[in-house]
Each structure stands twice: as structure tokens, then as C-alpha cells.
Protein backbone atom coordinates (compact mmCIF):
# COMPACT_ATOMS: atom_id res chain seq x y z
CA MET A 1 0.13 -0.07 -0.10
CA PHE A 2 2.83 2.14 0.73
CA ARG A 3 4.50 1.78 -2.27
CA ASN A 4 1.70 2.16 -4.20
CA MET A 5 1.38 5.90 -2.29
CA ILE A 6 4.83 7.10 -3.30
CA ARG A 7 4.33 5.63 -6.85
CA LYS A 8 0.70 7.55 -7.18
CA SER A 9 2.09 10.53 -5.89
CA ILE A 10 5.42 10.61 -8.20
CA TYR A 11 3.03 10.02 -11.25
CA VAL A 12 1.32 12.83 -10.67
CA TYR A 13 4.23 15.24 -9.79
CA ARG A 14 5.75 13.77 -13.26
CA LEU A 15 2.70 13.92 -15.14
CA LEU A 16 2.16 18.14 -13.90
CA VAL A 17 5.98 18.42 -14.94
CA PHE A 18 5.63 16.80 -18.01
CA LYS A 19 2.45 18.96 -18.60
CA ILE A 20 4.06 22.09 -17.81
CA GLN A 21 7.38 21.40 -19.35
CA THR A 22 5.40 20.57 -23.21
CA LEU A 23 2.87 23.37 -22.64
CA GLY A 24 2.44 25.24 -26.16
CA ILE A 25 4.32 23.00 -28.45
CA LYS A 26 2.85 22.17 -31.37
CA VAL A 27 2.98 19.18 -33.56
CA ASP A 28 5.78 18.93 -36.54
CA GLU A 29 4.52 16.10 -39.34
CA LYS A 30 8.11 15.75 -40.13
CA PHE A 31 9.71 14.55 -36.35
CA ILE A 32 10.06 11.32 -35.81
CA ILE A 33 11.46 9.95 -32.16
CA PHE A 34 12.83 6.97 -31.64
CA SER A 35 13.74 4.87 -28.41
CA VAL A 36 14.73 1.44 -27.52
CA TYR A 37 14.22 -0.22 -24.08
CA GLY A 38 13.68 2.65 -22.57
CA GLY A 39 16.71 4.34 -24.18
CA ASN A 40 19.31 1.44 -23.47
CA SER A 41 20.66 0.68 -27.03
CA TYR A 42 20.60 1.18 -30.52
CA ALA A 43 18.79 -1.98 -32.10
CA CYS A 44 15.86 -4.00 -32.81
CA SER A 45 12.89 -2.77 -35.46
CA PRO A 46 12.72 1.08 -34.61
CA LYS A 47 16.65 0.65 -35.87
CA ALA A 48 15.78 -1.04 -39.06
CA ILE A 49 12.77 1.61 -39.51
CA TYR A 50 15.32 4.22 -38.86
CA GLU A 51 17.90 3.22 -41.15
CA TYR A 52 15.33 2.44 -44.17
CA MET A 53 13.90 5.48 -43.84
CA LEU A 54 17.53 7.27 -44.01
CA LYS A 55 17.88 5.22 -47.64
CA GLU A 56 14.67 6.49 -48.81
CA LYS A 57 14.04 10.29 -50.68
CA LYS A 58 10.49 10.81 -49.11
CA PHE A 59 12.17 11.05 -45.78
CA GLN A 60 15.17 13.31 -46.79
CA ASP A 61 13.54 16.40 -45.21
CA TYR A 62 12.32 14.73 -41.80
CA THR A 63 13.82 14.99 -38.36
CA PHE A 64 14.76 12.17 -36.67
CA ILE A 65 15.37 12.17 -32.84
CA TRP A 66 16.90 9.10 -30.89
CA ALA A 67 16.67 9.12 -27.34
CA PHE A 68 19.19 7.29 -25.20
CA LYS A 69 20.51 7.08 -21.64
CA ASP A 70 23.94 7.80 -22.81
CA ILE A 71 24.18 9.85 -25.72
CA ASN A 72 27.93 9.38 -25.51
CA LYS A 73 27.63 6.06 -26.07
CA HIS A 74 25.91 6.74 -29.67
CA LYS A 75 27.33 9.69 -30.71
CA GLU A 76 28.25 8.30 -34.20
CA LEU A 77 24.59 8.47 -35.28
CA GLU A 78 25.00 12.53 -35.29
CA GLN A 79 27.10 12.11 -38.61
CA ASN A 80 23.52 10.63 -40.00
CA LYS A 81 21.54 13.31 -41.88
CA ASN A 82 19.24 15.01 -39.75
CA THR A 83 19.55 13.37 -36.59
CA ILE A 84 19.17 14.52 -32.82
CA LEU A 85 20.31 12.82 -29.71
CA VAL A 86 18.79 13.45 -26.77
CA LYS A 87 19.18 12.19 -23.32
CA GLN A 88 16.11 9.75 -22.42
CA GLY A 89 13.67 11.43 -19.60
CA SER A 90 15.74 15.14 -19.75
CA ARG A 91 13.68 18.08 -20.49
CA GLN A 92 14.51 18.46 -23.91
CA TYR A 93 13.54 14.98 -24.35
CA LYS A 94 10.36 15.83 -23.34
CA LYS A 95 9.59 18.34 -25.57
CA TYR A 96 10.60 16.11 -28.45
CA ILE A 97 8.15 13.68 -27.75
CA ALA A 98 5.78 16.64 -27.26
CA LYS A 99 6.51 17.78 -30.67
CA ALA A 100 7.08 14.58 -32.87
CA LYS A 101 4.44 13.32 -35.06
CA TYR A 102 5.78 9.75 -34.79
CA TRP A 103 6.76 8.28 -31.82
CA ILE A 104 8.56 4.98 -32.73
CA PHE A 105 9.49 2.37 -29.88
CA ASN A 106 10.05 -1.22 -28.82
CA TYR A 107 9.21 -0.91 -25.21
CA LYS A 108 6.97 0.75 -22.20
CA ILE A 109 6.77 4.40 -22.08
CA ALA A 110 6.60 6.58 -19.07
CA GLU A 111 3.47 6.14 -17.46
CA TYR A 112 3.16 10.11 -17.26
CA ILE A 113 3.87 10.29 -20.78
CA TYR A 114 0.79 10.46 -23.24
CA PRO A 115 0.13 11.22 -27.00
CA LYS A 116 -1.64 13.96 -28.44
CA LYS A 117 -4.64 13.27 -30.68
CA SER A 118 -2.31 14.34 -33.72
CA GLN A 119 0.32 12.03 -32.94
CA ILE A 120 1.29 8.46 -33.78
CA PHE A 121 2.74 6.09 -31.60
CA VAL A 122 3.83 2.69 -33.17
CA GLN A 123 4.42 0.51 -30.92
CA CYS A 124 7.25 -2.22 -32.28
CA TRP A 125 7.45 -4.44 -28.98
CA HIS A 126 10.70 -6.41 -28.82
CA GLY A 127 9.82 -10.09 -29.64
CA THR A 128 7.50 -12.78 -30.10
CA PRO A 129 5.67 -14.08 -26.75
CA LEU A 130 6.65 -17.27 -24.91
CA LYS A 131 6.34 -16.13 -21.40
CA ARG A 132 2.62 -14.49 -20.83
CA LEU A 133 2.40 -10.99 -20.27
CA GLY A 134 0.12 -7.96 -18.87
CA CYS A 135 -3.43 -8.92 -18.54
CA ASP A 136 -2.98 -12.62 -19.04
CA LEU A 137 -0.78 -13.26 -16.10
CA ILE A 138 -2.35 -15.99 -13.54
CA HIS A 139 0.66 -15.76 -11.67
CA PHE A 140 3.92 -13.64 -10.85
CA ASP A 141 6.70 -13.62 -8.62
CA ASN A 142 8.00 -10.53 -9.38
CA ALA A 143 9.87 -8.89 -6.63
CA LEU A 144 9.01 -5.30 -7.57
CA ASN A 145 5.30 -5.54 -8.60
CA THR A 146 1.97 -7.44 -8.45
CA ILE A 147 0.11 -8.62 -11.12
CA LYS A 148 -2.88 -6.19 -10.15
CA GLY A 149 -0.37 -3.19 -10.78
CA ILE A 150 1.26 -5.08 -14.14
CA LYS A 151 -2.28 -5.20 -15.28
CA LYS A 152 -3.29 -1.43 -14.56
CA ARG A 153 0.02 -0.14 -16.30
CA TYR A 154 -0.79 -2.66 -19.50
CA HIS A 155 -4.07 -0.87 -19.47
CA ILE A 156 -2.84 2.61 -19.35
CA GLU A 157 -0.48 1.55 -21.63
CA ALA A 158 -2.75 0.14 -24.65
CA LYS A 159 -4.42 3.83 -24.68
CA LYS A 160 -1.50 4.84 -26.14
CA PHE A 161 -0.82 2.81 -28.91
CA THR A 162 -1.93 3.80 -32.32
CA TYR A 163 -0.33 1.14 -33.74
CA PHE A 164 1.15 -2.11 -33.07
CA LEU A 165 3.45 -4.31 -34.95
CA SER A 166 3.01 -7.99 -34.96
CA PRO A 167 5.02 -10.79 -36.53
CA SER A 168 2.50 -13.60 -36.28
CA LYS A 169 -0.74 -14.53 -35.87
CA PHE A 170 0.43 -16.34 -32.95
CA ALA A 171 1.66 -12.93 -31.55
CA THR A 172 -1.16 -10.53 -32.68
CA GLU A 173 -3.65 -12.89 -30.65
CA LYS A 174 -1.58 -12.31 -27.46
CA PHE A 175 -0.74 -8.83 -27.79
CA ILE A 176 -4.32 -8.50 -28.08
CA SER A 177 -5.12 -10.14 -25.21
CA ALA A 178 -2.11 -9.01 -22.69
CA TRP A 179 -3.31 -5.50 -23.04
CA SER A 180 -6.86 -6.00 -23.34
CA LEU A 181 -7.32 -4.44 -26.73
CA LYS A 182 -10.55 -5.60 -27.66
CA GLU A 183 -12.21 -4.00 -24.43
CA ILE A 184 -11.05 -0.88 -25.86
CA GLY A 185 -12.17 -1.20 -29.37
CA LYS A 186 -8.54 -1.37 -30.68
CA GLU A 187 -8.17 -4.84 -31.53
CA ASN A 188 -7.90 -3.68 -35.16
CA ILE A 189 -4.29 -1.53 -34.75
CA MET A 190 -2.48 -4.68 -35.15
CA ILE A 191 0.07 -4.24 -38.28
CA GLU A 192 0.81 -7.87 -38.86
CA GLU A 193 3.86 -7.69 -40.94
CA GLY A 194 6.54 -9.41 -39.31
CA TYR A 195 9.50 -7.46 -37.45
CA PRO A 196 11.71 -5.00 -39.50
CA ARG A 197 14.65 -5.66 -37.37
CA ASN A 198 14.24 -10.03 -38.88
CA ASP A 199 15.25 -8.65 -42.66
CA PHE A 200 18.58 -8.29 -41.57
CA LEU A 201 18.31 -12.38 -40.52
CA TYR A 202 18.05 -12.42 -44.43
CA THR A 203 20.34 -10.01 -46.11
CA TYR A 204 23.74 -9.90 -44.35
CA THR A 205 26.50 -10.85 -45.88
CA GLU A 206 30.15 -12.72 -44.79
CA GLN A 207 31.43 -9.19 -44.47
CA ASP A 208 28.67 -8.43 -41.61
CA VAL A 209 29.93 -11.86 -40.26
CA GLN A 210 33.67 -10.63 -40.26
CA ASN A 211 32.99 -7.44 -38.85
CA ILE A 212 31.28 -8.49 -35.85
CA LYS A 213 34.01 -11.07 -35.06
CA GLN A 214 36.75 -8.42 -35.41
CA LYS A 215 34.49 -5.89 -33.15
CA LEU A 216 34.35 -8.89 -30.58
CA GLY A 217 38.10 -9.88 -31.02
CA ILE A 218 37.43 -13.00 -32.02
CA GLU A 219 38.06 -13.31 -36.02
CA LYS A 220 40.96 -14.97 -35.86
CA THR A 221 39.14 -18.35 -34.15
CA ASN A 222 38.11 -21.28 -35.64
CA LYS A 223 36.31 -22.59 -32.77
CA LYS A 224 32.71 -22.80 -32.86
CA ILE A 225 30.34 -20.33 -30.97
CA ILE A 226 27.84 -20.60 -28.97
CA LEU A 227 25.35 -17.81 -28.11
CA TYR A 228 24.13 -18.28 -24.47
CA ALA A 229 21.32 -15.62 -23.83
CA PRO A 230 18.85 -16.24 -20.78
CA THR A 231 16.36 -14.48 -19.92
CA TYR A 232 15.97 -12.80 -16.13
CA ARG A 233 14.10 -14.29 -13.14
CA GLY A 234 11.47 -11.87 -11.75
CA ASN A 235 12.43 -13.20 -8.19
CA GLN A 236 16.20 -12.41 -8.97
CA HIS A 237 16.28 -8.84 -7.39
CA GLU A 238 18.78 -7.28 -4.96
CA SER A 239 17.46 -4.25 -3.56
CA GLY A 240 20.34 -1.00 -4.99
CA VAL A 241 21.27 -3.06 -7.31
CA GLY A 242 18.37 -4.56 -9.67
CA TYR A 243 18.17 -7.98 -11.37
CA VAL A 244 20.70 -10.19 -11.16
CA TYR A 245 22.18 -13.20 -12.83
CA LYS A 246 22.75 -16.41 -11.00
CA GLU A 247 25.09 -18.81 -12.40
CA GLU A 248 23.36 -21.58 -13.19
CA VAL A 249 25.40 -23.00 -16.09
CA ASN A 250 28.48 -24.61 -15.03
CA PHE A 251 30.59 -22.90 -17.55
CA GLU A 252 33.62 -24.79 -15.77
CA LYS A 253 32.71 -28.18 -16.78
CA MET A 254 31.57 -26.93 -19.60
CA GLN A 255 34.86 -25.36 -20.93
CA GLU A 256 36.85 -28.22 -19.25
CA ILE A 257 34.84 -30.54 -22.21
CA LEU A 258 34.07 -27.81 -24.54
CA GLY A 259 37.10 -25.55 -24.37
CA ASN A 260 39.82 -26.67 -27.00
CA ASP A 261 36.76 -26.18 -29.60
CA TYR A 262 34.14 -23.53 -28.56
CA ILE A 263 33.50 -20.54 -27.20
CA ILE A 264 30.61 -18.73 -25.34
CA LEU A 265 29.51 -15.11 -26.48
CA PHE A 266 27.37 -14.86 -22.75
CA ARG A 267 24.40 -12.39 -23.76
CA PRO A 268 22.62 -11.17 -20.32
CA HIS A 269 18.59 -10.16 -20.73
CA TYR A 270 19.25 -5.98 -20.54
CA PHE A 271 17.34 -6.02 -17.20
CA ILE A 272 20.02 -7.94 -15.44
CA ALA A 273 22.88 -5.17 -13.38
CA ASN A 274 25.02 -7.56 -11.58
CA VAL A 275 28.74 -8.04 -12.88
CA PHE A 276 29.79 -11.68 -13.59
CA ASN A 277 33.29 -12.88 -13.23
CA PHE A 278 34.78 -12.53 -17.28
CA GLU A 279 37.87 -13.19 -16.40
CA LYS A 280 37.48 -16.63 -14.38
CA TYR A 281 36.68 -18.56 -17.72
CA LYS A 282 38.99 -15.91 -20.30
CA ASP A 283 39.23 -17.04 -23.49
CA PHE A 284 35.84 -19.11 -23.15
CA VAL A 285 33.41 -16.83 -22.11
CA TYR A 286 33.18 -13.55 -23.50
CA ASP A 287 31.02 -10.62 -22.63
CA VAL A 288 28.93 -9.51 -25.44
CA SER A 289 26.48 -7.83 -23.27
CA ASN A 290 27.47 -4.28 -25.00
CA ILE A 291 26.49 -5.27 -28.35
CA ASP A 292 23.54 -3.33 -28.62
CA ASP A 293 21.88 -5.33 -31.58
CA ILE A 294 21.81 -9.21 -30.89
CA ASN A 295 21.19 -9.73 -34.73
CA GLU A 296 25.48 -9.21 -34.83
CA LEU A 297 25.66 -12.00 -32.22
CA TYR A 298 23.09 -14.56 -34.40
CA ILE A 299 24.65 -14.07 -37.47
CA ILE A 300 27.62 -15.29 -35.93
CA ALA A 301 26.43 -17.83 -33.50
CA ASP A 302 27.06 -21.44 -34.22
CA ILE A 303 24.35 -22.41 -31.80
CA LEU A 304 21.94 -20.86 -29.37
CA ILE A 305 21.58 -22.11 -26.00
CA THR A 306 18.75 -20.17 -23.82
CA ASP A 307 15.90 -20.36 -21.62
CA TYR A 308 12.42 -18.85 -21.45
CA SER A 309 13.51 -15.64 -24.19
CA SER A 310 12.09 -14.94 -26.74
CA VAL A 311 15.32 -15.09 -28.79
CA PHE A 312 14.94 -18.55 -30.20
CA PHE A 313 11.81 -17.37 -31.92
CA ASP A 314 14.07 -14.79 -34.10
CA TYR A 315 17.07 -17.05 -34.09
CA ALA A 316 15.11 -19.74 -36.27
CA ASN A 317 14.99 -17.88 -38.74
CA LEU A 318 18.67 -18.42 -39.26
CA LYS A 319 17.93 -22.43 -39.14
CA LYS A 320 20.52 -23.07 -36.71
CA PRO A 321 20.45 -25.72 -33.93
CA ILE A 322 18.79 -24.29 -30.24
CA ILE A 323 19.26 -26.20 -26.80
CA PHE A 324 17.11 -25.05 -24.43
CA HIS A 325 18.44 -25.05 -20.80
CA MET A 326 15.49 -24.90 -18.68
CA TYR A 327 16.37 -25.74 -15.25
CA ASP A 328 13.64 -24.01 -13.25
CA LEU A 329 11.09 -25.45 -15.50
CA GLU A 330 8.01 -26.09 -12.90
CA HIS A 331 8.91 -22.69 -11.12
CA TYR A 332 8.67 -20.59 -14.14
CA ARG A 333 5.92 -22.57 -15.09
CA ASP A 334 3.79 -22.82 -12.35
CA GLU A 335 4.83 -19.50 -9.94
CA SER A 336 6.43 -17.31 -12.40
CA ASN A 337 5.13 -15.26 -15.52
CA GLY A 338 3.77 -19.00 -16.85
CA PHE A 339 3.81 -19.60 -20.71
CA TYR A 340 1.05 -19.23 -23.60
CA PHE A 341 1.50 -22.63 -24.63
CA ASN A 342 2.81 -26.21 -23.56
CA ILE A 343 6.65 -26.17 -24.11
CA GLU A 344 6.82 -29.81 -23.25
CA GLU A 345 4.55 -30.64 -26.42
CA GLU A 346 5.05 -27.92 -28.60
CA LEU A 347 8.51 -26.79 -28.54
CA PRO A 348 10.49 -28.55 -31.74
CA ARG A 349 12.81 -31.24 -29.95
CA LYS A 350 15.54 -33.67 -31.27
CA ASN A 351 14.05 -37.10 -31.58
CA ASN A 352 16.45 -39.48 -29.73
CA LYS A 353 16.15 -41.66 -26.40
CA ASN A 354 18.98 -39.73 -24.39
CA ARG A 355 17.39 -36.14 -24.56
């Protein structure tokens, strides 16, 4: 109750500040603002859409705004025509978001920010839902949120969307139910045309592969590459730190058995805040958390290891092997998020007696 009171007070305060700071700002038909994972990276479908627009003549007189938490990390984007970088959440960010005709995001937006009637909010989202979302949650063990609170925020979000991108009929159905779009007459806002980000998985070149390997310092290795990309656990949260990764893979054993023939690229979920000891597994486990666009890791990996992350839906486009390491399946299914389908029956698996 106390936490909810604090959150409501903060919401009201921020809403008033936003309205005051953006008072009188008119919408510009040729301003577009982009943001990915709350300003954490330059990736996903907003990146693909932006880079497409840069090449199209009809957008040559548009202004593109990119919002980042760390502007300095993406300074090279300012070399692109008509591109402006702004700090996520800053006063200038609020002014641009009030001015931009189009909002192209792949994640939730601050609760206190609402589009005007003349603005268009394109929700790209960032994956095909395996884990239950929002209004579809039945049980949840998140350390910071209740199901009631999450559903309330999803209801608020839903009212803001103009369009919502979907990669498939399956995803469309789940997005509509997760945000209760039918309840507010918005089930027809879905654009079921695939994720723009996945085009790269069909158009990349061998030079792209070499460039990524060089960036990671592994261009000379002949070893097979394993991409390990687990999701976060809602109940693994430490006060003052954030969501943490608890080592559930025996890297020491893996190094002993696989070290001569394989290397591992470790890509934790972007929520994960704690530091993993990479020095302990030097030249075997590589930190790739600083690579914004996971597509770059997909195209150089020979195998993907994941758990309940939606990364496997996208990686499957490459027709490469996938290993599911679901060590806490019963807990995640019965006490945490839960799933949209029966994993044990519907996920593809190799047919052998020793699986």
C-alpha cells in the first residue's frame, strides 16, 4: 500500500511537470522520435525502420530524434542526416516527444507521457511472446510488482497505442489479449507484417560476419561459437542493484569439456545489473552485453542456448541448432510468468532417447 501511494504521488508530480514543460509545443508532421528498451540501446525494429528511412528520398527532409540514456555511446549517429540525439527523460526529450508526429518505440513508455490526438505511437515491441504478459498473467513472482499493478499499467499503455507491430498471427492474438485491446476497441491496430529487424537475418553478408567477429576480437578463432542468452528471473532482485544473474550454468565444466573446440558469447537480459566474473573463464566465455543489436550475435553464432527468452523465435530464422536450458521449468511455469503454450509438447526437439 505504501509503495503504491509513493508511486501514485510520483506519477502525479511527473505528469504535472510534463504538461508544464511541454505547454504550447505544436506537433511537427516531419519529426520522428525513436527509443529502444527505454533508451538503453540502438537496435531492434526502430533501428531497422530508421535506417530504411535514411535511404528513402521521401524522408530526406524529416528530422529523426533518438533518445538514449547515454548519448555519448551513440555519437556516431549524429553523422547521419537530420539526426538528433537526446538524453532519455530529460527536459529536451519531453519537448521532442511533444513535438514529434511519430513515436517509434519497442518498449513501454513512461506512464505520465501521453500522445496528443494528432500524434501516432507505433509500438514495435521486442519479441514473440512465449512468457505470459500483462493482462494474461495468472501468477507472478516479481520482487517489485504485483499482478494487479502490472495489469493496471498495461491498461494505461494500451490507450496510448496507434499501431502495434506483430510478427505472426500467434503474436497478434497474444498482444491483443495481453493489453486487453478488445476492451477498448483497439484490436484492429495490429500490423501483422513481421518484425523489420529480422530482415537483416536474410540480407546479411559474410563481410557483416567478419566485422562483428573483429569487433569482439575473435576474428582469428576457428572454434565454434555458442551464444548463451538467458532471460531474467523476476524473483532474482537485489535492493540497490537490480535484477541479478545467478550462475545456473557450470561454465567450469563446459570449459573443461568444450574449451578446445568452442567459445561462449554470454548475453544476459538487458534487465540484469550485476557483474559476471568473465576473467575466471578468459578466452572461453566472452562478455557481449555491450553489443546493442543481438542480430549481430545471431549471425556469427553456430548454436544458441537459451531458456524462456523469445530470442529463439528470431534465431530460428537462421535454421541453426537451439538448445533449451530450462533448469527451473516447473517454477517458471507454475509460479512465475507461465507460458502461452505447452513447452514440453510444442517446442521442437531432437528425437532421441537420451535427450
